[in-house]
PDB file of N, CA and C in Angstrom:
ATOM      1  N   MET A   1       2.691  -4.826 -10.449  1.00  0.00           N
ATOM      2  CA  MET A   1       2.540  -4.532 -11.859  1.00  0.00           C
ATOM      3  C   MET A   1       1.096  -4.119 -12.200  1.00  0.00           C
ATOM      4  N   VAL A   2       0.137  -4.808 -11.570  1.00  0.00           N
ATOM      5  CA  VAL A   2      -1.268  -4.495 -11.814  1.00  0.00           C
ATOM      6  C   VAL A   2      -1.569  -3.051 -11.424  1.00  0.00           C
ATOM      7  N   MET A   3      -1.022  -2.626 -10.295  1.00  0.00           N
ATOM      8  CA  MET A   3      -1.280  -1.267  -9.821  1.00  0.00           C
ATOM      9  C   MET A   3      -0.732  -0.235 -10.797  1.00  0.00           C
ATOM     10  N   LEU A   4       0.477  -0.430 -11.283  1.00  0.00           N
ATOM     11  CA  LEU A   4       1.065   0.516 -12.237  1.00  0.00           C
ATOM     12  C   LEU A   4       0.254   0.595 -13.522  1.00  0.00           C
ATOM     13  N   LEU A   5      -0.198  -0.532 -14.030  1.00  0.00           N
ATOM     14  CA  LEU A   5      -1.019  -0.539 -15.241  1.00  0.00           C
ATOM     15  C   LEU A   5      -2.359   0.149 -14.998  1.00  0.00           C
ATOM     16  N   SER A   6      -2.929  -0.072 -13.822  1.00  0.00           N
ATOM     17  CA  SER A   6      -4.210   0.549 -13.488  1.00  0.00           C
ATOM     18  C   SER A   6      -4.083   2.062 -13.374  1.00  0.00           C
ATOM     19  N   ILE A   7      -3.021   2.518 -12.735  1.00  0.00           N
ATOM     20  CA  ILE A   7      -2.790   3.954 -12.615  1.00  0.00           C
ATOM     21  C   ILE A   7      -2.539   4.568 -13.985  1.00  0.00           C
ATOM     22  N   ALA A   8      -1.801   3.881 -14.830  1.00  0.00           N
ATOM     23  CA  ALA A   8      -1.568   4.370 -16.195  1.00  0.00           C
ATOM     24  C   ALA A   8      -2.888   4.494 -16.945  1.00  0.00           C
ATOM     25  N   LYS A   9      -3.771   3.516 -16.775  1.00  0.00           N
ATOM     26  CA  LYS A   9      -5.078   3.574 -17.435  1.00  0.00           C
ATOM     27  C   LYS A   9      -5.887   4.778 -16.950  1.00  0.00           C
ATOM     28  N   LEU A  10      -5.842   5.040 -15.633  1.00  0.00           N
ATOM     29  CA  LEU A  10      -6.546   6.211 -15.103  1.00  0.00           C
ATOM     30  C   LEU A  10      -5.992   7.503 -15.685  1.00  0.00           C
ATOM     31  N   GLU A  11      -4.681   7.562 -15.846  1.00  0.00           N
ATOM     32  CA  GLU A  11      -4.041   8.770 -16.374  1.00  0.00           C
ATOM     33  C   GLU A  11      -4.331   8.982 -17.859  1.00  0.00           C
ATOM     34  N   LEU A  12      -4.489   7.897 -18.599  1.00  0.00           N
ATOM     35  CA  LEU A  12      -4.613   7.995 -20.057  1.00  0.00           C
ATOM     36  C   LEU A  12      -6.043   7.936 -20.571  1.00  0.00           C
ATOM     37  N   THR A  13      -6.998   7.667 -19.689  1.00  0.00           N
ATOM     38  CA  THR A  13      -8.394   7.581 -20.109  1.00  0.00           C
ATOM     39  C   THR A  13      -9.255   8.487 -19.227  1.00  0.00           C
ATOM     40  N   SER A  14     -10.525   8.505 -19.509  1.00  0.00           N
ATOM     41  CA  SER A  14     -11.460   9.271 -18.680  1.00  0.00           C
ATOM     42  C   SER A  14     -12.122   8.397 -17.625  1.00  0.00           C
ATOM     43  N   ASP A  15     -11.635   7.171 -17.445  1.00  0.00           N
ATOM     44  CA  ASP A  15     -12.191   6.275 -16.437  1.00  0.00           C
ATOM     45  C   ASP A  15     -12.046   6.885 -15.041  1.00  0.00           C
ATOM     46  N   SER A  16     -13.038   6.650 -14.196  1.00  0.00           N
ATOM     47  CA  SER A  16     -13.018   7.157 -12.823  1.00  0.00           C
ATOM     48  C   SER A  16     -12.399   6.163 -11.857  1.00  0.00           C
ATOM     49  N   TYR A  17     -12.430   4.888 -12.244  1.00  0.00           N
ATOM     50  CA  TYR A  17     -11.873   3.838 -11.403  1.00  0.00           C
ATOM     51  C   TYR A  17     -11.460   2.661 -12.263  1.00  0.00           C
ATOM     52  N   VAL A  18     -10.543   1.849 -11.729  1.00  0.00           N
ATOM     53  CA  VAL A  18     -10.077   0.654 -12.415  1.00  0.00           C
ATOM     54  C   VAL A  18     -10.018  -0.466 -11.386  1.00  0.00           C
ATOM     55  N   LYS A  19     -10.568  -1.631 -11.724  1.00  0.00           N
ATOM     56  CA  LYS A  19     -10.533  -2.777 -10.818  1.00  0.00           C
ATOM     57  C   LYS A  19      -9.113  -3.312 -10.752  1.00  0.00           C
ATOM     58  N   ILE A  20      -8.632  -3.540  -9.525  1.00  0.00           N
ATOM     59  CA  ILE A  20      -7.274  -4.052  -9.353  1.00  0.00           C
ATOM     60  C   ILE A  20      -7.248  -5.462  -8.779  1.00  0.00           C
ATOM     61  N   SER A  21      -8.373  -5.920  -8.212  1.00  0.00           N
ATOM     62  CA  SER A  21      -8.449  -7.309  -7.764  1.00  0.00           C
ATOM     63  C   SER A  21      -9.913  -7.723  -7.655  1.00  0.00           C
ATOM     64  N   THR A  22     -10.138  -9.031  -7.702  1.00  0.00           N
ATOM     65  CA  THR A  22     -11.505  -9.544  -7.631  1.00  0.00           C
ATOM     66  C   THR A  22     -11.837 -10.203  -6.301  1.00  0.00           C
ATOM     67  N   SER A  23     -10.833 -10.598  -5.551  1.00  0.00           N
ATOM     68  CA  SER A  23     -11.091 -11.216  -4.258  1.00  0.00           C
ATOM     69  C   SER A  23      -9.997 -10.812  -3.277  1.00  0.00           C
ATOM     70  N   PRO A  24     -10.239  -9.801  -2.495  1.00  0.00           N
ATOM     71  CA  PRO A  24     -11.445  -8.977  -2.396  1.00  0.00           C
ATOM     72  C   PRO A  24     -11.563  -8.023  -3.586  1.00  0.00           C
ATOM     73  N   VAL A  25     -12.768  -7.510  -3.787  1.00  0.00           N
ATOM     74  CA  VAL A  25     -13.005  -6.581  -4.889  1.00  0.00           C
ATOM     75  C   VAL A  25     -12.409  -5.232  -4.519  1.00  0.00           C
ATOM     76  N   ARG A  26     -11.415  -4.813  -5.297  1.00  0.00           N
ATOM     77  CA  ARG A  26     -10.735  -3.544  -5.033  1.00  0.00           C
ATOM     78  C   ARG A  26     -10.621  -2.737  -6.321  1.00  0.00           C
ATOM     79  N   TYR A  27     -10.723  -1.424  -6.122  1.00  0.00           N
ATOM     80  CA  TYR A  27     -10.582  -0.479  -7.217  1.00  0.00           C
ATOM     81  C   TYR A  27      -9.567   0.579  -6.825  1.00  0.00           C
ATOM     82  N   VAL A  28      -8.976   1.223  -7.836  1.00  0.00           N
ATOM     83  CA  VAL A  28      -8.127   2.378  -7.594  1.00  0.00           C
ATOM     84  C   VAL A  28      -8.770   3.559  -8.317  1.00  0.00           C
ATOM     85  N   SER A  29      -8.740   4.721  -7.680  1.00  0.00           N
ATOM     86  CA  SER A  29      -9.279   5.953  -8.257  1.00  0.00           C
ATOM     87  C   SER A  29      -8.307   7.087  -8.001  1.00  0.00           C
ATOM     88  N   LYS A  30      -8.504   8.156  -8.760  1.00  0.00           N
ATOM     89  CA  LYS A  30      -7.646   9.329  -8.631  1.00  0.00           C
ATOM     90  C   LYS A  30      -8.382  10.416  -7.857  1.00  0.00           C
ATOM     91  N   PHE A  31      -7.671  11.093  -6.952  1.00  0.00           N
ATOM     92  CA  PHE A  31      -8.233  12.276  -6.322  1.00  0.00           C
ATOM     93  C   PHE A  31      -8.334  13.353  -7.393  1.00  0.00           C
ATOM     94  N   GLU A  32      -9.530  13.882  -7.598  1.00  0.00           N
ATOM     95  CA  GLU A  32      -9.742  14.927  -8.596  1.00  0.00           C
ATOM     96  C   GLU A  32      -9.846  16.268  -7.899  1.00  0.00           C
ATOM     97  N   LYS A  33      -9.102  17.250  -8.379  1.00  0.00           N
ATOM     98  CA  LYS A  33      -9.149  18.589  -7.787  1.00  0.00           C
ATOM     99  C   LYS A  33     -10.547  19.176  -7.917  1.00  0.00           C
ATOM    100  N   GLY A  34     -11.009  19.788  -6.845  1.00  0.00           N
ATOM    101  CA  GLY A  34     -12.293  20.470  -6.874  1.00  0.00           C
ATOM    102  C   GLY A  34     -13.507  19.573  -6.723  1.00  0.00           C
ATOM    103  N   THR A  35     -13.312  18.275  -6.451  1.00  0.00           N
ATOM    104  CA  THR A  35     -14.453  17.384  -6.261  1.00  0.00           C
ATOM    105  C   THR A  35     -14.334  16.677  -4.920  1.00  0.00           C
ATOM    106  N   GLU A  36     -15.463  16.202  -4.450  1.00  0.00           N
ATOM    107  CA  GLU A  36     -15.483  15.404  -3.233  1.00  0.00           C
ATOM    108  C   GLU A  36     -14.636  14.151  -3.468  1.00  0.00           C
ATOM    109  N   PRO A  37     -13.731  13.827  -2.553  1.00  0.00           N
ATOM    110  CA  PRO A  37     -12.790  12.728  -2.793  1.00  0.00           C
ATOM    111  C   PRO A  37     -13.443  11.387  -3.129  1.00  0.00           C
ATOM    112  N   TYR A  38     -14.546  11.066  -2.476  1.00  0.00           N
ATOM    113  CA  TYR A  38     -15.112   9.729  -2.647  1.00  0.00           C
ATOM    114  C   TYR A  38     -16.391   9.710  -3.483  1.00  0.00           C
ATOM    115  N   ILE A  39     -16.614  10.736  -4.285  1.00  0.00           N
ATOM    116  CA  ILE A  39     -17.823  10.789  -5.107  1.00  0.00           C
ATOM    117  C   ILE A  39     -17.908   9.599  -6.060  1.00  0.00           C
ATOM    118  N   VAL A  40     -16.776   9.145  -6.553  1.00  0.00           N
ATOM    119  CA  VAL A  40     -16.758   8.007  -7.473  1.00  0.00           C
ATOM    120  C   VAL A  40     -17.318   6.752  -6.798  1.00  0.00           C
ATOM    121  N   ILE A  41     -17.028   6.574  -5.511  1.00  0.00           N
ATOM    122  CA  ILE A  41     -17.556   5.422  -4.778  1.00  0.00           C
ATOM    123  C   ILE A  41     -19.061   5.565  -4.603  1.00  0.00           C
ATOM    124  N   ASN A  42     -19.504   6.754  -4.233  1.00  0.00           N
ATOM    125  CA  ASN A  42     -20.945   6.985  -4.071  1.00  0.00           C
ATOM    126  C   ASN A  42     -21.702   6.697  -5.359  1.00  0.00           C
ATOM    127  N   LEU A  43     -21.191   7.167  -6.477  1.00  0.00           N
ATOM    128  CA  LEU A  43     -21.857   6.929  -7.764  1.00  0.00           C
ATOM    129  C   LEU A  43     -21.870   5.448  -8.123  1.00  0.00           C
ATOM    130  N   TYR A  44     -20.762   4.774  -7.903  1.00  0.00           N
ATOM    131  CA  TYR A  44     -20.684   3.330  -8.183  1.00  0.00           C
ATOM    132  C   TYR A  44     -21.709   2.567  -7.339  1.00  0.00           C
ATOM    133  N   MET A  45     -21.756   2.867  -6.058  1.00  0.00           N
ATOM    134  CA  MET A  45     -22.656   2.149  -5.165  1.00  0.00           C
ATOM    135  C   MET A  45     -24.122   2.449  -5.476  1.00  0.00           C
ATOM    136  N   GLN A  46     -24.422   3.683  -5.880  1.00  0.00           N
ATOM    137  CA  GLN A  46     -25.786   4.015  -6.291  1.00  0.00           C
ATOM    138  C   GLN A  46     -26.206   3.162  -7.481  1.00  0.00           C
ATOM    139  N   GLN A  47     -25.301   2.947  -8.410  1.00  0.00           N
ATOM    140  CA  GLN A  47     -25.595   2.111  -9.569  1.00  0.00           C
ATOM    141  C   GLN A  47     -25.884   0.667  -9.164  1.00  0.00           C
ATOM    142  N   GLN A  48     -25.333   0.242  -8.032  1.00  0.00           N
ATOM    143  CA  GLN A  48     -25.562  -1.112  -7.527  1.00  0.00           C
ATOM    144  C   GLN A  48     -26.783  -1.183  -6.607  1.00  0.00           C
ATOM    145  N   GLY A  49     -27.477  -0.051  -6.432  1.00  0.00           N
ATOM    146  CA  GLY A  49     -28.685  -0.024  -5.620  1.00  0.00           C
ATOM    147  C   GLY A  49     -28.465   0.319  -4.157  1.00  0.00           C
ATOM    148  N   TRP A  50     -27.264   0.724  -3.789  1.00  0.00           N
ATOM    149  CA  TRP A  50     -26.941   1.069  -2.408  1.00  0.00           C
ATOM    150  C   TRP A  50     -27.088   2.575  -2.208  1.00  0.00           C
ATOM    151  N   LYS A  51     -27.498   2.963  -1.004  1.00  0.00           N
ATOM    152  CA  LYS A  51     -27.682   4.366  -0.663  1.00  0.00           C
ATOM    153  C   LYS A  51     -26.656   4.773   0.388  1.00  0.00           C
ATOM    154  N   TYR A  52     -25.995   5.890   0.145  1.00  0.00           N
ATOM    155  CA  TYR A  52     -25.007   6.407   1.083  1.00  0.00           C
ATOM    156  C   TYR A  52     -25.686   6.802   2.383  1.00  0.00           C
ATOM    157  N   LYS A  53     -25.083   6.391   3.508  1.00  0.00           N
ATOM    158  CA  LYS A  53     -25.640   6.747   4.816  1.00  0.00           C
ATOM    159  C   LYS A  53     -24.709   7.656   5.600  1.00  0.00           C
ATOM    160  N   ASP A  54     -23.419   7.292   5.691  1.00  0.00           N
ATOM    161  CA  ASP A  54     -22.529   8.047   6.560  1.00  0.00           C
ATOM    162  C   ASP A  54     -21.076   7.743   6.209  1.00  0.00           C
ATOM    163  N   GLN A  55     -20.195   8.579   6.737  1.00  0.00           N
ATOM    164  CA  GLN A  55     -18.760   8.338   6.610  1.00  0.00           C
ATOM    165  C   GLN A  55     -18.194   8.229   8.010  1.00  0.00           C
ATOM    166  N   LEU A  56     -17.395   7.198   8.223  1.00  0.00           N
ATOM    167  CA  LEU A  56     -16.751   6.974   9.506  1.00  0.00           C
ATOM    168  C   LEU A  56     -15.258   6.858   9.241  1.00  0.00           C
ATOM    169  N   GLY A  57     -14.547   7.963   9.444  1.00  0.00           N
ATOM    170  CA  GLY A  57     -13.123   7.984   9.106  1.00  0.00           C
ATOM    171  C   GLY A  57     -12.938   7.835   7.610  1.00  0.00           C
ATOM    172  N   SER A  58     -12.195   6.827   7.209  1.00  0.00           N
ATOM    173  CA  SER A  58     -11.949   6.604   5.788  1.00  0.00           C
ATOM    174  C   SER A  58     -12.869   5.528   5.206  1.00  0.00           C
ATOM    175  N   SER A  59     -13.925   5.188   5.924  1.00  0.00           N
ATOM    176  CA  SER A  59     -14.887   4.187   5.465  1.00  0.00           C
ATOM    177  C   SER A  59     -16.233   4.839   5.167  1.00  0.00           C
ATOM    178  N   LEU A  60     -16.895   4.349   4.146  1.00  0.00           N
ATOM    179  CA  LEU A  60     -18.207   4.851   3.758  1.00  0.00           C
ATOM    180  C   LEU A  60     -19.246   3.780   4.050  1.00  0.00           C
ATOM    181  N   ILE A  61     -20.332   4.175   4.691  1.00  0.00           N
ATOM    182  CA  ILE A  61     -21.382   3.239   5.072  1.00  0.00           C
ATOM    183  C   ILE A  61     -22.555   3.395   4.110  1.00  0.00           C
ATOM    184  N   PHE A  62     -23.039   2.256   3.612  1.00  0.00           N
ATOM    185  CA  PHE A  62     -24.145   2.230   2.661  1.00  0.00           C
ATOM    186  C   PHE A  62     -25.242   1.319   3.173  1.00  0.00           C
ATOM    187  N   GLU A  63     -26.489   1.580   2.715  1.00  0.00           N
ATOM    188  CA  GLU A  63     -27.647   0.769   3.086  1.00  0.00           C
ATOM    189  C   GLU A  63     -28.367   0.280   1.838  1.00  0.00           C
ATOM    190  N   LYS A  64     -28.902  -0.939   1.959  1.00  0.00           N
ATOM    191  CA  LYS A  64     -29.727  -1.505   0.890  1.00  0.00           C
ATOM    192  C   LYS A  64     -30.590  -2.586   1.523  1.00  0.00           C
ATOM    193  N   ASN A  65     -31.895  -2.499   1.342  1.00  0.00           N
ATOM    194  CA  ASN A  65     -32.820  -3.499   1.884  1.00  0.00           C
ATOM    195  C   ASN A  65     -32.597  -3.752   3.377  1.00  0.00           C
ATOM    196  N   ASN A  66     -32.502  -2.676   4.143  1.00  0.00           N
ATOM    197  CA  ASN A  66     -32.299  -2.740   5.596  1.00  0.00           C
ATOM    198  C   ASN A  66     -30.994  -3.425   6.002  1.00  0.00           C
ATOM    199  N   GLN A  67     -30.043  -3.507   5.104  1.00  0.00           N
ATOM    200  CA  GLN A  67     -28.714  -4.031   5.420  1.00  0.00           C
ATOM    201  C   GLN A  67     -27.708  -2.905   5.305  1.00  0.00           C
ATOM    202  N   GLN A  68     -26.676  -2.966   6.128  1.00  0.00           N
ATOM    203  CA  GLN A  68     -25.596  -1.983   6.053  1.00  0.00           C
ATOM    204  C   GLN A  68     -24.299  -2.682   5.674  1.00  0.00           C
ATOM    205  N   SER A  69     -23.481  -1.972   4.937  1.00  0.00           N
ATOM    206  CA  SER A  69     -22.162  -2.477   4.613  1.00  0.00           C
ATOM    207  C   SER A  69     -21.213  -1.302   4.455  1.00  0.00           C
ATOM    208  N   THR A  70     -19.936  -1.576   4.607  1.00  0.00           N
ATOM    209  CA  THR A  70     -18.933  -0.528   4.636  1.00  0.00           C
ATOM    210  C   THR A  70     -17.906  -0.722   3.531  1.00  0.00           C
ATOM    211  N   VAL A  71     -17.662   0.338   2.782  1.00  0.00           N
ATOM    212  CA  VAL A  71     -16.596   0.355   1.779  1.00  0.00           C
ATOM    213  C   VAL A  71     -15.409   1.057   2.423  1.00  0.00           C
ATOM    214  N   SER A  72     -14.298   0.355   2.502  1.00  0.00           N
ATOM    215  CA  SER A  72     -13.118   0.957   3.126  1.00  0.00           C
ATOM    216  C   SER A  72     -12.224   1.579   2.055  1.00  0.00           C
ATOM    217  N   THR A  73     -11.555   2.646   2.426  1.00  0.00           N
ATOM    218  CA  THR A  73     -10.643   3.325   1.510  1.00  0.00           C
ATOM    219  C   THR A  73      -9.289   3.482   2.178  1.00  0.00           C
ATOM    220  N   ILE A  74      -8.276   3.579   1.349  1.00  0.00           N
ATOM    221  CA  ILE A  74      -6.932   3.838   1.838  1.00  0.00           C
ATOM    222  C   ILE A  74      -6.205   4.685   0.801  1.00  0.00           C
ATOM    223  N   GLN A  75      -5.504   5.688   1.264  1.00  0.00           N
ATOM    224  CA  GLN A  75      -4.736   6.525   0.356  1.00  0.00           C
ATOM    225  C   GLN A  75      -3.501   5.746  -0.079  1.00  0.00           C
ATOM    226  N   TYR A  76      -3.333   5.584  -1.386  1.00  0.00           N
ATOM    227  CA  TYR A  76      -2.208   4.822  -1.926  1.00  0.00           C
ATOM    228  C   TYR A  76      -0.999   5.728  -2.165  1.00  0.00           C
ATOM    229  N   THR A  77      -1.269   6.850  -2.811  1.00  0.00           N
ATOM    230  CA  THR A  77      -0.256   7.883  -3.010  1.00  0.00           C
ATOM    231  C   THR A  77      -0.946   9.226  -2.806  1.00  0.00           C
ATOM    232  N   LYS A  78      -0.231  10.283  -3.040  1.00  0.00           N
ATOM    233  CA  LYS A  78      -0.807  11.627  -2.913  1.00  0.00           C
ATOM    234  C   LYS A  78      -1.997  11.808  -3.849  1.00  0.00           C
ATOM    235  N   ARG A  79      -1.962  11.157  -5.008  1.00  0.00           N
ATOM    236  CA  ARG A  79      -2.990  11.371  -6.037  1.00  0.00           C
ATOM    237  C   ARG A  79      -3.981  10.224  -6.215  1.00  0.00           C
ATOM    238  N   PHE A  80      -3.747   9.067  -5.576  1.00  0.00           N
ATOM    239  CA  PHE A  80      -4.593   7.896  -5.813  1.00  0.00           C
ATOM    240  C   PHE A  80      -5.018   7.238  -4.506  1.00  0.00           C
ATOM    241  N   PHE A  81      -6.221   6.651  -4.530  1.00  0.00           N
ATOM    242  CA  PHE A  81      -6.692   5.898  -3.369  1.00  0.00           C
ATOM    243  C   PHE A  81      -7.301   4.574  -3.820  1.00  0.00           C
ATOM    244  N   ILE A  82      -7.281   3.613  -2.921  1.00  0.00           N
ATOM    245  CA  ILE A  82      -7.824   2.277  -3.179  1.00  0.00           C
ATOM    246  C   ILE A  82      -9.080   2.116  -2.334  1.00  0.00           C
ATOM    247  N   TRP A  83     -10.111   1.513  -2.930  1.00  0.00           N
ATOM    248  CA  TRP A  83     -11.315   1.231  -2.167  1.00  0.00           C
ATOM    249  C   TRP A  83     -11.682  -0.229  -2.309  1.00  0.00           C
ATOM    250  N   THR A  84     -12.139  -0.797  -1.191  1.00  0.00           N
ATOM    251  CA  THR A  84     -12.444  -2.217  -1.109  1.00  0.00           C
ATOM    252  C   THR A  84     -13.920  -2.403  -0.798  1.00  0.00           C
ATOM    253  N   ILE A  85     -14.565  -3.250  -1.590  1.00  0.00           N
ATOM    254  CA  ILE A  85     -15.981  -3.542  -1.415  1.00  0.00           C
ATOM    255  C   ILE A  85     -16.119  -4.926  -0.793  1.00  0.00           C
ATOM    256  N   PRO A  86     -16.824  -5.052   0.339  1.00  0.00           N
ATOM    257  CA  PRO A  86     -17.048  -6.381   0.906  1.00  0.00           C
ATOM    258  C   PRO A  86     -17.790  -7.274  -0.090  1.00  0.00           C
ATOM    259  N   GLU A  87     -17.370  -8.497  -0.231  1.00  0.00           N
ATOM    260  CA  GLU A  87     -17.930  -9.403  -1.239  1.00  0.00           C
ATOM    261  C   GLU A  87     -19.430  -9.592  -1.169  1.00  0.00           C
ATOM    262  N   PRO A  88     -20.057  -9.694   0.017  1.00  0.00           N
ATOM    263  CA  PRO A  88     -21.502  -9.868   0.031  1.00  0.00           C
ATOM    264  C   PRO A  88     -22.283  -8.682  -0.551  1.00  0.00           C
ATOM    265  N   MET A  89     -21.640  -7.519  -0.687  1.00  0.00           N
ATOM    266  CA  MET A  89     -22.330  -6.333  -1.210  1.00  0.00           C
ATOM    267  C   MET A  89     -22.645  -6.444  -2.686  1.00  0.00           C
ATOM    268  N   ILE A  90     -21.878  -7.208  -3.407  1.00  0.00           N
ATOM    269  CA  ILE A  90     -21.988  -7.211  -4.870  1.00  0.00           C
ATOM    270  C   ILE A  90     -23.085  -8.145  -5.328  1.00  0.00           C
TER     271      ILE A  90
END
């Protein structure tokens, strides 16, 4: 039910992502035509002080204060993907 409500919110608002769980921290986002698929994750992580380093498959690697952490993504449907942030990153 949470996922359906979150997807509806993405469709009806200009939000780029919606939190779907807190432990682990997960968000759902929409693939936007003409944009880099994971730009929303990069922007979110930059706001948290993390710098994008690399992409390894469907995971994005970030650095902050000489530490590395990985945000994993999974395609949920053709139009939506879920991304998970490791708890120590926040």
